[in-house]
Amino acid sequence: MPALSRPAPFHRPRFGRIPAARIYSGLGRSSLYRLAGMTPGLFKKHGKSTLVDFDVLDRILDALPAAVISKPRT
């Protein structure tokens, strides 16, 4: 009987490209660019590549307010 293996823990990279940041954060491309205009250091340039600093993105996401969900109508 084969042993069950656990999935490897997720390791978030320090930097990633825009598509990876979209998947990671759930935000759209336009929202990321809008946030980059308001948040120094969110985007870094390496040649033609735009990299997203996931540490800065985490701080932005952590600062978002909690969602207020109303009770369903009965």
Protein backbone atom coordinates (compact mmCIF):
# COMPACT_ATOMS: atom_id res chain seq x y z
CA MET A 1 0.00 0.00 0.00
CA PRO A 2 1.61 3.30 -1.07
CA ALA A 3 2.17 5.95 1.57
CA LEU A 4 0.08 9.09 1.28
CA SER A 5 2.12 12.16 0.65
CA ARG A 6 1.24 15.68 1.66
CA PRO A 7 1.38 18.45 -0.90
CA ALA A 8 4.39 20.69 -0.64
CA PRO A 9 3.72 23.97 1.17
CA PHE A 10 3.13 26.95 -1.09
CA HIS A 11 6.20 29.12 -1.44
CA ARG A 12 5.39 32.62 -2.64
CA PRO A 13 8.22 34.20 -4.61
CA ARG A 14 9.40 37.68 -3.66
CA PHE A 15 8.76 39.03 -7.19
CA GLY A 16 6.57 37.92 -10.05
CA ARG A 17 5.18 39.19 -13.32
CA ILE A 18 1.77 40.79 -13.73
CA PRO A 19 -0.09 37.55 -14.68
CA ALA A 20 1.21 35.83 -11.54
CA ALA A 21 0.19 38.83 -9.41
CA ARG A 22 -3.32 38.69 -10.92
CA ILE A 23 -3.69 35.03 -9.96
CA TYR A 24 -2.16 35.58 -6.53
CA SER A 25 -4.26 38.62 -5.60
CA GLY A 26 -7.46 38.14 -7.57
CA LEU A 27 -7.10 41.71 -8.86
CA GLY A 28 -7.28 42.65 -12.52
CA ARG A 29 -4.49 44.13 -14.57
CA SER A 30 -6.00 47.64 -14.52
CA SER A 31 -6.41 47.52 -10.75
CA LEU A 32 -2.78 46.51 -10.31
CA TYR A 33 -1.60 49.39 -12.49
CA ARG A 34 -3.88 51.81 -10.61
CA LEU A 35 -2.43 50.60 -7.30
CA ALA A 36 1.10 50.91 -8.68
CA GLY A 37 0.42 54.57 -9.43
CA MET A 38 -0.54 55.12 -5.79
CA THR A 39 2.02 52.79 -4.17
CA PRO A 40 5.73 53.39 -4.70
CA GLY A 41 7.69 50.17 -5.01
CA LEU A 42 4.83 47.89 -6.10
CA PHE A 43 6.27 47.57 -9.61
CA LYS A 44 9.95 47.17 -10.46
CA LYS A 45 11.44 47.25 -13.95
CA HIS A 46 14.04 44.81 -15.19
CA GLY A 47 14.72 45.61 -18.80
CA LYS A 48 11.37 45.31 -20.56
CA SER A 49 9.85 43.17 -17.81
CA THR A 50 7.59 44.62 -15.14
CA LEU A 51 7.92 42.77 -11.86
CA VAL A 52 5.51 42.98 -8.94
CA ASP A 53 6.90 43.05 -5.42
CA PHE A 54 4.66 40.56 -3.59
CA ASP A 55 5.67 41.93 -0.17
CA VAL A 56 4.26 45.34 -1.15
CA LEU A 57 1.20 43.68 -2.72
CA ASP A 58 0.60 41.76 0.54
CA ARG A 59 0.65 45.03 2.51
CA ILE A 60 -1.92 46.52 0.12
CA LEU A 61 -4.19 43.47 0.40
CA ASP A 62 -3.83 43.38 4.19
CA ALA A 63 -4.91 47.05 4.38
CA LEU A 64 -8.17 46.45 2.47
CA PRO A 65 -11.28 46.77 4.62
CA ALA A 66 -13.31 43.73 5.55
CA ALA A 67 -16.31 43.06 3.36
CA VAL A 68 -19.69 43.96 4.81
CA ILE A 69 -22.21 41.33 3.77
CA SER A 70 -25.85 42.04 4.42
CA LYS A 71 -28.31 39.40 5.52
CA PRO A 72 -30.26 37.75 2.73
CA ARG A 73 -33.82 38.90 2.20
CA THR A 74 -36.47 36.47 3.37
